[in-house]
Amino acid sequence: MLRFLFFRLLRAAVTIVMVVSFAFVVLRLSGDPAQIIMGADAPPEAVDAFRAAWGLDQPLWRQYFHYFGAILSGDLGRSMRDGRDAILLVVERIPATLALTLPALAIKLGLGIPAGVYAALHRNSWADRLVMLLAVAGFTVPSFVLGLLLVLLFAVQLGWLPSGGQESWRHGILPMLTLGIGGAAVLARFTRSAMLEVLGQPYIRTASAKGVPWRAVVWGHALPNAAIPTVTIVGFMVGSLIAGAVVVESVFSWPGVGRLLVVAVANRDLAVVQCVLLLVAATMVTANLVVDLLYGLLDPRLRNQPRAAGAH
């Protein structure tokens, strides 16, 4: 088990380093922050002074090693816009993002898993076809299109809900639904496929032939085994709570981390962008690590895979 955990932690660390390195290079090759922040009419002397103050006049490799050294010492940089610590700007937005994404996650789980299980247990029925039709529709429609459609229906036509902002709990309903419906559709499809695969296994037929009640077969055998592939999708959804809210927060003017990222990218506020991307990478890697550990608990054979590979 320790060897299993060691390899997963090593892979997680390498993934975070690769993501942060890629973001560092792309951000600095995509445009000059000094020109964007200072403006096109700024004197060349002021632009050069800005570059020197923020270390942008240094070679890229030197900036890279300075950035990683600062991360290891706990310094994630300061915003080029107002001089505040980037981590403080991000932390201030996290509660708003969680207030949106956690209920959306509950919608995904509460709708997607039961719908997928029901469709699998009633395969080829009208209910199965209806669930899959809605799942395909929810999966294929982009989140910003779905959000605009919900605004058009519930805010413009019916006038039941506000179209954006964060003044009250009613402002969060449409963005929560936008995030939740798409994820529920994905989860329903994967849950149905996992259940159908398990229901076709010989041990399910054997249990039924022995006279085990069908409810006990489903709850005691089918669902636990179908949970293994479904855990992967749920883990990805948990890991992408912040990243998945970028578009939706922009559509609904929700003041969360996702909207902060969009504004920071437009302004080339490097430290803020890098801090958000580091948070997203750490969240997704942590979620994948938890999924790997859950795999080891659900299927103990997976714990021995690294050891078996080493033995050969």
Protein backbone atom coordinates (compact mmCIF):
# COMPACT_ATOMS: atom_id res chain seq x y z
CA MET A 1 0.00 0.00 0.00
CA LEU A 2 2.87 2.40 0.78
CA ARG A 3 4.43 1.71 -2.61
CA PHE A 4 1.06 2.33 -4.26
CA LEU A 5 0.71 5.65 -2.41
CA PHE A 6 4.31 6.68 -3.19
CA PHE A 7 3.88 6.29 -6.95
CA ARG A 8 0.59 8.20 -6.89
CA LEU A 9 2.11 11.08 -4.90
CA LEU A 10 5.12 11.19 -7.22
CA ARG A 11 2.86 11.32 -10.27
CA ALA A 12 0.80 14.08 -8.65
CA ALA A 13 3.89 16.20 -7.95
CA VAL A 14 5.21 15.78 -11.50
CA THR A 15 1.81 16.73 -12.93
CA ILE A 16 1.66 19.95 -10.90
CA VAL A 17 5.18 20.93 -11.96
CA MET A 18 4.37 20.30 -15.62
CA VAL A 19 1.13 22.31 -15.48
CA VAL A 20 2.77 25.25 -13.72
CA SER A 21 5.75 25.20 -16.10
CA PHE A 22 3.52 25.12 -19.17
CA ALA A 23 1.42 28.01 -17.86
CA PHE A 24 4.55 30.01 -17.01
CA VAL A 25 5.97 29.73 -20.53
CA VAL A 26 2.67 30.29 -22.38
CA LEU A 27 1.78 33.39 -20.35
CA ARG A 28 5.11 35.03 -21.07
CA LEU A 29 5.04 34.22 -24.76
CA SER A 30 1.45 35.38 -25.28
CA GLY A 31 2.05 39.09 -24.76
CA ASP A 32 3.94 41.75 -22.85
CA PRO A 33 2.20 42.54 -19.53
CA ALA A 34 4.00 45.89 -19.34
CA GLN A 35 2.47 47.12 -22.60
CA ILE A 36 -1.03 45.94 -21.65
CA ILE A 37 -1.02 47.28 -18.10
CA MET A 38 0.78 50.57 -18.83
CA GLY A 39 -1.19 51.21 -22.02
CA ALA A 40 -0.22 51.88 -25.60
CA ASP A 41 0.42 55.59 -24.92
CA ALA A 42 2.86 55.01 -22.03
CA PRO A 43 6.38 56.41 -22.53
CA PRO A 44 9.03 53.76 -23.34
CA GLU A 45 10.93 54.74 -20.20
CA ALA A 46 7.90 53.96 -18.01
CA VAL A 47 7.37 50.62 -19.73
CA ASP A 48 11.05 49.70 -19.25
CA ALA A 49 10.87 50.71 -15.60
CA PHE A 50 7.78 48.55 -15.13
CA ARG A 51 9.55 45.55 -16.68
CA ALA A 52 12.56 46.05 -14.46
CA ALA A 53 10.41 46.42 -11.32
CA TRP A 54 8.63 43.10 -11.99
CA GLY A 55 11.66 41.21 -13.29
CA LEU A 56 10.28 40.96 -16.82
CA ASP A 57 13.56 42.21 -18.28
CA GLN A 58 15.34 39.07 -17.10
CA PRO A 59 15.92 36.03 -19.35
CA LEU A 60 13.05 33.57 -19.36
CA TRP A 61 15.05 30.81 -17.69
CA ARG A 62 16.03 33.14 -14.84
CA GLN A 63 12.40 34.22 -14.35
CA TYR A 64 11.42 30.54 -14.31
CA PHE A 65 13.85 29.54 -11.57
CA HIS A 66 13.04 32.66 -9.55
CA TYR A 67 9.32 31.83 -9.79
CA PHE A 68 9.77 28.25 -8.61
CA GLY A 69 12.07 29.34 -5.84
CA ALA A 70 9.42 31.79 -4.66
CA ILE A 71 6.74 29.06 -4.76
CA LEU A 72 8.89 26.76 -2.62
CA SER A 73 9.27 29.57 -0.09
CA GLY A 74 5.51 30.16 -0.03
CA ASP A 75 5.50 33.34 -2.13
CA LEU A 76 2.99 33.14 -5.00
CA GLY A 77 3.67 36.66 -6.20
CA ARG A 78 1.76 39.94 -6.24
CA SER A 79 -0.81 41.34 -8.61
CA MET A 80 0.63 43.71 -11.19
CA ARG A 81 -2.61 45.68 -11.08
CA ASP A 82 -2.87 46.65 -7.41
CA GLY A 83 0.22 45.15 -5.77
CA ARG A 84 -1.74 42.83 -3.46
CA ASP A 85 -0.69 39.25 -2.84
CA ALA A 86 -2.12 37.06 -5.57
CA ILE A 87 -3.09 34.34 -3.11
CA LEU A 88 -5.26 36.82 -1.17
CA LEU A 89 -7.12 37.84 -4.33
CA VAL A 90 -7.80 34.18 -5.13
CA VAL A 91 -8.80 33.19 -1.59
CA GLU A 92 -11.32 36.04 -1.47
CA ARG A 93 -13.11 34.55 -4.48
CA ILE A 94 -13.12 30.90 -3.38
CA PRO A 95 -16.27 31.11 -1.18
CA ALA A 96 -18.30 32.51 -4.08
CA THR A 97 -17.10 29.73 -6.39
CA LEU A 98 -17.81 27.01 -3.83
CA ALA A 99 -21.26 28.47 -3.17
CA LEU A 100 -21.93 27.86 -6.85
CA THR A 101 -20.10 24.63 -7.60
CA LEU A 102 -20.92 22.54 -4.53
CA PRO A 103 -24.71 22.71 -5.07
CA ALA A 104 -24.04 22.08 -8.77
CA LEU A 105 -22.08 18.96 -7.81
CA ALA A 106 -25.03 17.82 -5.69
CA ILE A 107 -27.28 18.30 -8.74
CA LYS A 108 -24.91 16.23 -10.88
CA LEU A 109 -24.84 13.37 -8.39
CA GLY A 110 -28.51 13.57 -7.45
CA LEU A 111 -29.70 13.50 -11.06
CA GLY A 112 -26.98 11.69 -12.99
CA ILE A 113 -26.43 8.53 -10.94
CA PRO A 114 -30.10 7.63 -10.30
CA ALA A 115 -30.97 8.38 -13.95
CA GLY A 116 -28.15 6.18 -15.20
CA VAL A 117 -29.06 3.32 -12.88
CA TYR A 118 -32.75 3.56 -13.78
CA ALA A 119 -31.97 3.60 -17.51
CA ALA A 120 -29.75 0.52 -17.18
CA LEU A 121 -32.34 -1.42 -15.20
CA HIS A 122 -34.97 -0.58 -17.85
CA ARG A 123 -32.80 -1.07 -20.90
CA ASN A 124 -34.43 -0.42 -24.30
CA SER A 125 -37.60 0.90 -22.69
CA TRP A 126 -39.08 4.31 -23.46
CA ALA A 127 -37.71 5.57 -20.15
CA ASP A 128 -34.21 4.44 -21.11
CA ARG A 129 -34.44 6.17 -24.48
CA LEU A 130 -35.77 9.35 -22.88
CA VAL A 131 -32.97 9.44 -20.30
CA MET A 132 -30.32 8.89 -22.96
CA LEU A 133 -31.88 11.51 -25.23
CA LEU A 134 -31.76 14.08 -22.45
CA ALA A 135 -28.24 12.96 -21.50
CA VAL A 136 -26.94 13.38 -25.05
CA ALA A 137 -28.60 16.79 -25.30
CA GLY A 138 -27.16 17.92 -21.98
CA PHE A 139 -23.72 16.59 -22.89
CA THR A 140 -23.49 18.16 -26.35
CA VAL A 141 -24.83 21.64 -25.59
CA PRO A 142 -21.95 23.92 -24.45
CA SER A 143 -22.33 25.40 -20.99
CA PHE A 144 -22.46 29.01 -22.21
CA VAL A 145 -25.23 28.12 -24.69
CA LEU A 146 -27.19 26.30 -22.00
CA GLY A 147 -26.72 29.25 -19.66
CA LEU A 148 -28.00 31.71 -22.26
CA LEU A 149 -31.00 29.48 -22.99
CA LEU A 150 -31.86 29.32 -19.28
CA VAL A 151 -31.53 33.10 -19.02
CA LEU A 152 -33.76 33.56 -22.06
CA LEU A 153 -36.43 31.27 -20.60
CA PHE A 154 -36.44 31.96 -16.86
CA ALA A 155 -35.14 35.54 -16.73
CA VAL A 156 -36.34 37.16 -19.97
CA GLN A 157 -39.52 35.29 -20.92
CA LEU A 158 -40.89 34.20 -17.53
CA GLY A 159 -39.18 36.76 -15.31
CA TRP A 160 -38.85 34.29 -12.47
CA LEU A 161 -35.11 34.57 -11.82
CA PRO A 162 -32.41 37.23 -12.19
CA SER A 163 -29.99 36.88 -15.10
CA GLY A 164 -26.76 37.59 -13.22
CA GLY A 165 -25.00 38.93 -10.15
CA GLN A 166 -24.78 37.67 -6.57
CA GLU A 167 -27.21 39.83 -4.60
CA SER A 168 -29.34 36.94 -3.25
CA TRP A 169 -29.68 33.16 -3.34
CA ARG A 170 -32.00 33.49 -6.35
CA HIS A 171 -29.07 34.77 -8.41
CA GLY A 172 -27.30 31.45 -7.98
CA ILE A 173 -30.07 29.18 -9.27
CA LEU A 174 -29.44 29.57 -13.01
CA PRO A 175 -25.63 29.18 -12.85
CA MET A 176 -26.05 26.16 -10.56
CA LEU A 177 -28.44 24.56 -13.02
CA THR A 178 -26.12 25.36 -15.92
CA LEU A 179 -23.22 23.63 -14.20
CA GLY A 180 -25.33 20.78 -12.84
CA ILE A 181 -27.28 19.75 -15.94
CA GLY A 182 -24.25 19.13 -18.14
CA GLY A 183 -22.46 17.13 -15.45
CA ALA A 184 -25.58 15.11 -14.67
CA ALA A 185 -25.85 14.18 -18.35
CA VAL A 186 -22.27 12.92 -18.45
CA LEU A 187 -22.69 11.01 -15.21
CA ALA A 188 -25.94 9.41 -16.38
CA ARG A 189 -24.29 8.06 -19.55
CA PHE A 190 -21.29 6.60 -17.72
CA THR A 191 -23.39 5.16 -14.90
CA ARG A 192 -25.70 3.46 -17.40
CA SER A 193 -22.76 1.96 -19.31
CA ALA A 194 -21.10 0.75 -16.10
CA MET A 195 -24.34 -0.80 -14.84
CA LEU A 196 -25.04 -2.56 -18.14
CA GLU A 197 -21.55 -4.04 -18.18
CA VAL A 198 -21.91 -5.32 -14.62
CA LEU A 199 -25.43 -6.66 -15.17
CA GLY A 200 -24.10 -8.79 -18.02
CA GLN A 201 -21.48 -10.52 -15.85
CA PRO A 202 -21.84 -14.24 -15.00
CA TYR A 203 -21.96 -13.68 -11.23
CA ILE A 204 -25.08 -11.52 -11.65
CA ARG A 205 -26.82 -14.30 -13.56
CA THR A 206 -25.63 -16.84 -11.00
CA ALA A 207 -27.01 -14.82 -8.12
CA SER A 208 -30.35 -14.47 -9.89
CA ALA A 209 -30.43 -18.21 -10.68
CA LYS A 210 -29.88 -19.02 -7.00
CA GLY A 211 -33.05 -17.16 -6.13
CA VAL A 212 -31.45 -14.03 -4.67
CA PRO A 213 -34.04 -11.22 -4.79
CA TRP A 214 -33.41 -8.85 -7.67
CA ARG A 215 -33.24 -5.83 -5.36
CA ALA A 216 -30.49 -7.56 -3.36
CA VAL A 217 -28.62 -8.42 -6.57
CA VAL A 218 -28.73 -4.79 -7.71
CA TRP A 219 -27.78 -3.24 -4.37
CA GLY A 220 -25.40 -5.93 -3.18
CA HIS A 221 -23.57 -6.85 -6.39
CA ALA A 222 -24.29 -4.58 -9.33
CA LEU A 223 -24.06 -1.13 -7.77
CA PRO A 224 -20.80 -1.68 -5.81
CA ASN A 225 -19.03 -3.02 -8.92
CA ALA A 226 -20.46 -0.34 -11.20
CA ALA A 227 -19.20 2.29 -8.74
CA ILE A 228 -15.56 1.64 -9.70
CA PRO A 229 -15.64 3.29 -13.17
CA THR A 230 -18.19 5.86 -11.99
CA VAL A 231 -15.80 7.04 -9.28
CA THR A 232 -13.43 8.25 -12.01
CA ILE A 233 -16.03 10.60 -13.47
CA VAL A 234 -17.08 11.86 -10.04
CA GLY A 235 -13.43 12.48 -9.14
CA PHE A 236 -12.91 14.46 -12.33
CA MET A 237 -15.99 16.54 -11.55
CA VAL A 238 -14.77 17.27 -8.04
CA GLY A 239 -11.34 18.19 -9.38
CA SER A 240 -12.79 20.53 -11.99
CA LEU A 241 -15.07 22.45 -9.64
CA ILE A 242 -13.05 25.63 -10.11
CA ALA A 243 -11.99 25.15 -13.73
CA GLY A 244 -15.50 24.22 -14.80
CA ALA A 245 -16.95 27.44 -13.40
CA VAL A 246 -14.86 29.78 -15.58
CA VAL A 247 -17.34 30.09 -18.45
CA VAL A 248 -20.47 30.00 -16.28
CA GLU A 249 -19.19 32.67 -13.90
CA SER A 250 -18.45 34.91 -16.88
CA VAL A 251 -21.91 34.36 -18.40
CA PHE A 252 -23.73 35.13 -15.14
CA SER A 253 -21.29 37.80 -13.81
CA TRP A 254 -20.64 35.68 -10.76
CA PRO A 255 -17.69 37.09 -8.74
CA GLY A 256 -15.78 33.84 -8.26
CA VAL A 257 -12.35 32.45 -9.06
CA GLY A 258 -13.32 31.62 -12.64
CA ARG A 259 -14.25 35.21 -13.45
CA LEU A 260 -11.10 36.42 -11.71
CA LEU A 261 -9.08 34.16 -14.00
CA VAL A 262 -10.73 35.57 -17.14
CA VAL A 263 -10.05 39.16 -16.05
CA ALA A 264 -6.47 38.36 -15.02
CA VAL A 265 -5.73 36.67 -18.37
CA ALA A 266 -7.12 39.67 -20.27
CA ASN A 267 -4.95 42.00 -18.18
CA ARG A 268 -1.87 39.72 -18.30
CA ASP A 269 -1.78 39.79 -14.50
CA LEU A 270 0.75 36.95 -14.40
CA ALA A 271 0.89 36.23 -10.69
CA VAL A 272 -2.90 36.01 -10.35
CA VAL A 273 -3.25 33.75 -13.40
CA GLN A 274 -0.45 31.47 -12.19
CA CYS A 275 -1.95 31.32 -8.71
CA VAL A 276 -5.37 30.32 -10.05
CA LEU A 277 -3.87 27.71 -12.37
CA LEU A 278 -1.81 26.32 -9.51
CA LEU A 279 -4.97 26.05 -7.41
CA VAL A 280 -6.84 24.33 -10.26
CA ALA A 281 -3.97 21.90 -10.88
CA ALA A 282 -3.65 21.09 -7.18
CA THR A 283 -7.39 20.52 -6.88
CA MET A 284 -7.57 18.19 -9.87
CA VAL A 285 -4.44 16.27 -8.88
CA THR A 286 -5.74 15.86 -5.31
CA ALA A 287 -9.09 14.61 -6.62
CA ASN A 288 -7.34 12.11 -8.91
CA LEU A 289 -5.17 10.96 -6.01
CA VAL A 290 -8.26 10.36 -3.89
CA VAL A 291 -9.81 8.43 -6.80
CA ASP A 292 -6.70 6.24 -7.05
CA LEU A 293 -6.89 5.51 -3.33
CA LEU A 294 -10.60 4.71 -3.61
CA TYR A 295 -9.74 2.35 -6.45
CA GLY A 296 -7.34 0.60 -4.13
CA LEU A 297 -10.08 0.23 -1.53
CA LEU A 298 -12.79 -0.86 -3.98
CA ASP A 299 -10.48 -3.25 -5.88
CA PRO A 300 -7.51 -4.40 -3.75
CA ARG A 301 -5.87 -5.99 -6.81
CA LEU A 302 -4.93 -2.52 -8.07
CA ARG A 303 -2.68 -1.90 -5.06
CA ASN A 304 -0.32 -4.60 -6.22
CA GLN A 305 0.09 -3.34 -9.77
CA PRO A 306 3.20 -1.20 -9.17
CA ARG A 307 4.79 -4.02 -7.22
CA ALA A 308 3.96 -6.55 -9.90
CA ALA A 309 5.38 -4.28 -12.57
CA GLY A 310 8.58 -3.90 -10.58
CA ALA A 311 8.89 -7.65 -10.15
CA HIS A 312 9.06 -8.11 -13.91
